N, C-alpha and C. Protein backbone atom coordinates (compact mmCIF):
# COMPACT_ATOMS: atom_id res chain seq x y z
N MET A 1 37.66 107.30 119.35
CA MET A 1 36.84 106.44 118.02
C MET A 1 36.46 107.68 117.17
N THR A 2 37.36 107.23 115.91
CA THR A 2 37.05 108.51 115.15
C THR A 2 35.47 108.08 114.12
N LYS A 3 34.57 109.06 113.64
CA LYS A 3 34.25 108.98 112.98
C LYS A 3 33.75 108.28 111.42
N GLN A 4 33.96 107.04 110.49
CA GLN A 4 33.83 106.80 109.70
C GLN A 4 33.37 107.99 108.26
N ILE A 5 33.88 108.17 107.72
CA ILE A 5 33.20 108.96 106.44
C ILE A 5 31.43 108.79 106.06
N ILE A 6 32.02 107.70 105.30
CA ILE A 6 30.57 107.38 105.02
C ILE A 6 30.96 105.62 105.59
N SER A 7 29.64 105.20 105.52
CA SER A 7 28.98 104.36 106.35
C SER A 7 27.80 103.51 104.21
N LEU A 8 28.20 101.85 104.48
CA LEU A 8 26.71 101.56 103.37
C LEU A 8 26.12 100.63 103.96
N SER A 9 24.73 101.32 102.94
CA SER A 9 23.46 99.86 103.76
C SER A 9 23.78 98.27 103.05
N GLU A 10 23.44 97.97 103.62
CA GLU A 10 23.37 95.99 102.88
C GLU A 10 23.16 96.46 101.43
N ASN A 11 22.25 96.89 101.01
CA ASN A 11 21.64 97.25 99.90
C ASN A 11 22.58 97.90 98.58
N ALA A 12 23.07 99.42 99.47
CA ALA A 12 24.31 100.00 98.83
C ALA A 12 25.01 98.97 98.78
N ALA A 13 25.70 98.23 98.94
CA ALA A 13 27.20 96.98 99.06
C ALA A 13 26.68 95.77 97.92
N LYS A 14 25.49 95.76 98.44
CA LYS A 14 24.75 94.77 97.29
C LYS A 14 24.38 95.67 95.75
N ARG A 15 24.21 96.67 95.45
CA ARG A 15 24.14 97.33 94.39
C ARG A 15 25.61 97.74 93.19
N ILE A 16 26.41 98.05 94.89
CA ILE A 16 27.89 98.21 94.49
C ILE A 16 28.61 96.91 93.74
N LYS A 17 28.19 95.90 94.75
CA LYS A 17 29.08 94.67 93.71
C LYS A 17 28.44 94.39 92.17
N GLU A 18 26.74 94.49 92.13
CA GLU A 18 26.54 93.77 91.18
C GLU A 18 27.31 94.72 89.58
N ILE A 19 27.34 96.63 90.00
CA ILE A 19 27.45 97.29 89.41
C ILE A 19 29.28 97.04 89.09
N MET A 20 30.08 96.76 89.90
CA MET A 20 31.46 96.61 89.77
C MET A 20 31.56 95.03 88.93
N SER A 21 30.60 94.26 89.25
CA SER A 21 30.62 92.85 88.32
C SER A 21 30.24 92.90 86.79
N ALA A 22 29.55 93.99 86.56
CA ALA A 22 29.72 94.09 84.94
C ALA A 22 30.55 95.20 84.35
N ALA A 23 31.13 95.81 85.34
CA ALA A 23 32.23 97.17 85.37
C ALA A 23 33.25 97.10 84.27
N GLU A 24 34.03 97.47 83.44
CA GLU A 24 34.96 97.02 82.65
C GLU A 24 36.64 96.72 84.18
N LYS A 25 37.24 96.11 83.03
CA LYS A 25 38.02 95.26 84.57
C LYS A 25 38.88 96.18 84.49
N ASN A 26 39.21 97.53 83.85
CA ASN A 26 39.99 98.28 84.39
C ASN A 26 39.66 99.25 85.62
N SER A 27 38.89 99.24 86.10
CA SER A 27 37.90 100.11 86.82
C SER A 27 38.77 99.00 88.57
N LEU A 28 38.84 100.07 89.26
CA LEU A 28 38.92 99.34 90.81
C LEU A 28 37.75 99.41 91.67
N GLY A 29 37.09 100.39 90.92
CA GLY A 29 35.39 100.71 92.49
C GLY A 29 35.31 102.25 91.90
N VAL A 30 34.34 102.06 93.09
CA VAL A 30 33.03 103.66 92.63
C VAL A 30 34.19 104.59 93.75
N ARG A 31 33.50 106.31 93.10
CA ARG A 31 34.78 107.03 93.50
C ARG A 31 33.52 107.52 93.55
N ILE A 32 33.08 108.52 95.10
CA ILE A 32 32.54 109.41 95.63
C ILE A 32 32.54 110.82 95.79
N GLY A 33 32.02 111.74 95.18
CA GLY A 33 32.82 113.02 95.65
C GLY A 33 31.38 114.15 96.04
N VAL A 34 31.73 115.29 95.48
CA VAL A 34 30.79 116.41 95.73
C VAL A 34 30.58 117.00 94.79
N LYS A 35 30.20 118.41 94.09
CA LYS A 35 30.43 119.05 93.28
C LYS A 35 29.56 120.00 93.27
N SER A 36 30.04 121.12 93.01
CA SER A 36 28.47 122.86 92.98
C SER A 36 27.84 122.61 91.87
N GLY A 37 26.67 122.51 92.57
CA GLY A 37 25.28 122.75 91.26
C GLY A 37 23.40 122.24 92.18
N GLY A 38 22.78 122.11 91.30
CA GLY A 38 21.75 121.79 92.12
C GLY A 38 20.69 122.64 92.20
N CYS A 39 19.63 123.01 93.10
CA CYS A 39 18.78 124.18 93.03
C CYS A 39 19.44 124.28 94.45
N ALA A 40 19.96 123.50 95.45
CA ALA A 40 20.20 123.62 96.92
C ALA A 40 21.69 124.14 97.13
N GLY A 41 22.86 123.95 96.18
CA GLY A 41 24.16 124.33 95.80
C GLY A 41 25.25 122.94 95.63
N MET A 42 24.39 121.84 96.50
CA MET A 42 25.56 120.83 95.93
C MET A 42 24.84 119.42 95.53
N SER A 43 25.78 118.64 94.65
CA SER A 43 25.37 117.31 94.37
C SER A 43 26.13 116.00 94.92
N TYR A 44 25.61 114.86 95.13
CA TYR A 44 27.05 114.11 95.04
C TYR A 44 27.07 113.70 93.61
N VAL A 45 28.57 112.85 93.92
CA VAL A 45 28.52 112.08 92.38
C VAL A 45 29.01 110.81 92.51
N MET A 46 28.63 110.08 91.71
CA MET A 46 29.22 108.75 92.25
C MET A 46 29.87 108.62 90.29
N GLU A 47 30.99 107.76 90.33
CA GLU A 47 31.47 107.61 88.56
C GLU A 47 32.86 106.14 89.30
N TYR A 48 32.78 105.61 88.29
CA TYR A 48 34.07 104.00 88.24
C TYR A 48 35.49 105.31 88.37
N THR A 49 36.46 104.60 89.28
CA THR A 49 37.97 104.78 89.07
C THR A 49 38.64 104.22 88.70
N GLU A 50 39.48 104.12 87.40
CA GLU A 50 40.28 103.11 87.27
C GLU A 50 41.99 103.59 88.17
N LYS A 51 41.80 103.97 88.69
CA LYS A 51 43.41 104.41 89.86
C LYS A 51 43.07 104.74 90.46
N THR A 52 43.71 105.07 92.10
CA THR A 52 43.62 105.43 93.43
C THR A 52 44.13 107.18 93.36
N ASN A 53 43.83 108.10 93.19
CA ASN A 53 44.67 109.37 93.52
C ASN A 53 45.57 109.25 94.93
N PRO A 54 46.20 109.48 95.12
CA PRO A 54 47.01 110.26 96.47
C PRO A 54 46.23 110.16 97.56
N ASN A 55 45.27 111.37 96.90
CA ASN A 55 44.56 112.20 98.47
C ASN A 55 43.37 111.56 98.44
N ASP A 56 42.53 110.17 98.07
CA ASP A 56 41.86 109.36 97.96
C ASP A 56 41.72 109.03 99.54
N GLU A 57 40.06 109.14 100.33
CA GLU A 57 40.49 108.21 101.37
C GLU A 57 39.54 106.91 100.71
N VAL A 58 39.82 105.57 101.33
CA VAL A 58 39.49 104.82 100.64
C VAL A 58 38.67 103.65 101.87
N ILE A 59 37.60 103.45 101.68
CA ILE A 59 36.60 103.22 102.88
C ILE A 59 36.26 101.55 102.29
N GLU A 60 36.22 100.69 102.79
CA GLU A 60 35.83 99.24 102.81
C GLU A 60 34.89 98.90 104.00
N ASP A 61 33.56 98.43 103.78
CA ASP A 61 32.62 98.16 104.26
C ASP A 61 32.02 97.64 103.57
N LYS A 62 31.51 95.96 104.37
CA LYS A 62 30.63 95.49 103.92
C LYS A 62 30.73 94.63 102.37
N GLY A 63 32.14 94.27 102.40
CA GLY A 63 33.18 93.54 100.96
C GLY A 63 33.08 94.54 100.32
N VAL A 64 32.61 96.09 100.41
CA VAL A 64 32.97 96.85 99.21
C VAL A 64 33.89 97.81 99.45
N LYS A 65 34.74 98.10 98.04
CA LYS A 65 35.65 99.61 98.51
C LYS A 65 34.50 100.82 97.56
N VAL A 66 35.17 101.78 98.38
CA VAL A 66 34.35 103.12 98.11
C VAL A 66 35.57 104.25 98.30
N PHE A 67 36.30 104.84 96.78
CA PHE A 67 37.21 105.37 96.83
C PHE A 67 36.27 107.38 97.31
N ILE A 68 36.86 108.15 98.07
CA ILE A 68 36.14 109.13 98.65
C ILE A 68 37.49 110.09 98.17
N ASP A 69 36.29 110.78 97.34
CA ASP A 69 37.71 112.35 96.64
C ASP A 69 37.77 112.92 98.11
N SER A 70 39.22 113.56 98.05
CA SER A 70 39.33 114.22 99.30
C SER A 70 38.82 115.76 99.23
N ALA A 71 38.40 116.35 98.15
CA ALA A 71 37.60 116.99 98.40
C ALA A 71 36.04 117.45 99.33
N ALA A 72 35.90 115.89 99.00
CA ALA A 72 34.67 115.78 99.72
C ALA A 72 34.22 115.19 100.84
N VAL A 73 35.26 115.45 101.55
CA VAL A 73 35.60 114.27 102.79
C VAL A 73 34.31 115.15 103.61
N MET A 74 34.99 116.66 104.18
CA MET A 74 34.63 117.27 105.38
C MET A 74 33.12 117.42 104.64
N TYR A 75 32.63 117.27 103.50
CA TYR A 75 30.90 117.13 103.17
C TYR A 75 30.03 115.75 103.57
N LEU A 76 30.89 114.45 103.50
CA LEU A 76 30.35 113.35 104.09
C LEU A 76 30.49 112.58 104.99
N LEU A 77 31.43 113.22 105.80
CA LEU A 77 31.88 112.76 107.36
C LEU A 77 30.18 112.40 108.21
N GLY A 78 30.15 110.88 107.80
CA GLY A 78 29.28 110.20 108.97
C GLY A 78 28.25 110.20 108.45
N THR A 79 27.87 109.76 106.53
CA THR A 79 27.08 110.21 105.63
C THR A 79 26.25 108.43 105.61
N GLU A 80 25.38 107.41 105.28
CA GLU A 80 25.47 106.40 105.19
C GLU A 80 24.75 106.40 103.72
N MET A 81 25.59 105.36 102.86
CA MET A 81 25.08 105.18 101.55
C MET A 81 23.48 104.65 101.86
N ASP A 82 23.01 104.50 100.64
CA ASP A 82 21.70 103.36 100.64
C ASP A 82 20.77 103.66 99.11
N TYR A 83 20.06 102.10 99.16
CA TYR A 83 20.41 102.44 97.53
C TYR A 83 18.87 101.87 97.71
N LYS A 84 17.62 102.66 96.95
CA LYS A 84 16.01 102.28 97.34
C LYS A 84 15.83 101.84 95.55
N LYS A 85 15.00 100.83 95.71
CA LYS A 85 14.34 100.69 94.64
C LYS A 85 13.09 100.36 94.25
N ASP A 86 11.92 100.79 94.36
CA ASP A 86 10.74 100.66 93.68
C ASP A 86 10.13 100.42 92.02
N ASP A 87 8.98 100.41 91.98
CA ASP A 87 8.22 99.98 90.92
C ASP A 87 9.08 101.38 89.60
N PHE A 88 9.04 102.58 89.86
CA PHE A 88 9.48 103.54 89.08
C PHE A 88 10.54 103.33 88.55
N SER A 89 11.38 104.01 89.68
CA SER A 89 12.91 104.06 90.01
C SER A 89 14.13 103.45 90.25
N SER A 90 15.16 103.58 90.56
CA SER A 90 16.12 103.21 91.58
C SER A 90 17.34 104.06 91.89
N SER A 91 17.84 104.10 92.97
CA SER A 91 18.71 105.19 93.01
C SER A 91 19.43 104.86 94.54
N PHE A 92 20.74 105.46 94.44
CA PHE A 92 21.44 105.73 95.59
C PHE A 92 20.97 106.74 96.03
N THR A 93 21.09 106.75 97.43
CA THR A 93 19.97 107.74 98.71
C THR A 93 21.48 108.04 99.59
N PHE A 94 21.57 109.36 100.04
CA PHE A 94 22.80 109.48 101.25
C PHE A 94 22.02 110.42 102.61
N LYS A 95 22.09 109.50 103.46
CA LYS A 95 21.66 109.81 105.33
C LYS A 95 23.14 110.98 105.19
N ASN A 96 23.10 111.95 104.99
CA ASN A 96 23.78 112.93 105.64
C ASN A 96 23.44 113.78 106.63
N PRO A 97 24.07 113.62 107.77
CA PRO A 97 23.50 114.72 108.97
C PRO A 97 24.14 116.29 108.36
N ASN A 98 25.33 116.18 108.35
CA ASN A 98 26.26 117.75 107.89
C ASN A 98 24.56 118.28 106.80
N GLU A 99 23.71 117.63 106.40
CA GLU A 99 23.44 119.03 105.05
C GLU A 99 21.85 118.92 106.05
N THR A 100 22.34 120.95 105.72
CA THR A 100 21.45 122.59 106.88
C THR A 100 19.83 122.11 105.76
N GLU A 101 20.25 121.78 104.36
CA GLU A 101 18.97 121.46 103.35
C GLU A 101 18.89 120.88 102.37
N ARG A 102 17.42 120.31 102.05
CA ARG A 102 17.82 119.66 100.09
C ARG A 102 16.95 120.44 100.19
N CYS A 103 17.08 120.22 98.61
CA CYS A 103 15.95 120.29 97.52
C CYS A 103 14.87 119.48 97.68
N GLY A 104 13.48 120.26 96.53
CA GLY A 104 12.01 119.30 96.93
C GLY A 104 12.64 117.54 96.25
N CYS A 105 13.10 118.19 94.94
CA CYS A 105 13.36 116.41 94.29
C CYS A 105 14.55 115.59 94.53
N GLY A 106 15.53 116.32 96.09
CA GLY A 106 16.48 114.74 96.65
C GLY A 106 18.06 115.27 96.60
N GLU A 107 17.78 116.01 95.10
CA GLU A 107 18.99 115.89 93.89
C GLU A 107 20.25 116.73 94.56
N SER A 108 19.83 117.90 95.16
CA SER A 108 21.38 118.70 95.49
C SER A 108 21.02 118.57 97.18
N PHE A 109 22.14 119.28 98.28
CA PHE A 109 21.78 119.48 99.05
C PHE A 109 22.69 120.88 99.20
N LYS A 110 22.97 121.36 100.40
CA LYS A 110 23.13 122.28 101.31
C LYS A 110 23.89 122.08 102.41
N VAL A 111 25.01 122.40 102.75
CA VAL A 111 26.09 122.38 104.23
C VAL A 111 26.21 123.29 104.97
């Protein structure tokens, strides 16, 4: 059995559904990627996508379609995406087994 690139918690799936219901009609879903930056070297990126790139990996989990940037696949393999909300903030979080280091604020990581 192959390992899924990314899985979603119930909270993450629910929040993505909420986001997509408020998105512009031409948005197909959310794309997840990584970029260089942050104090640990890499950070997660989420954005709306209006088209499927030919090399995107498309994940369907809990009724949600997520597009994974092909350049990010090797960094995200086995990751669980969650959504946390408390009195002062809310954010998507990533439990990534490939991380070897994470910055103190949780905004960036190293693999």
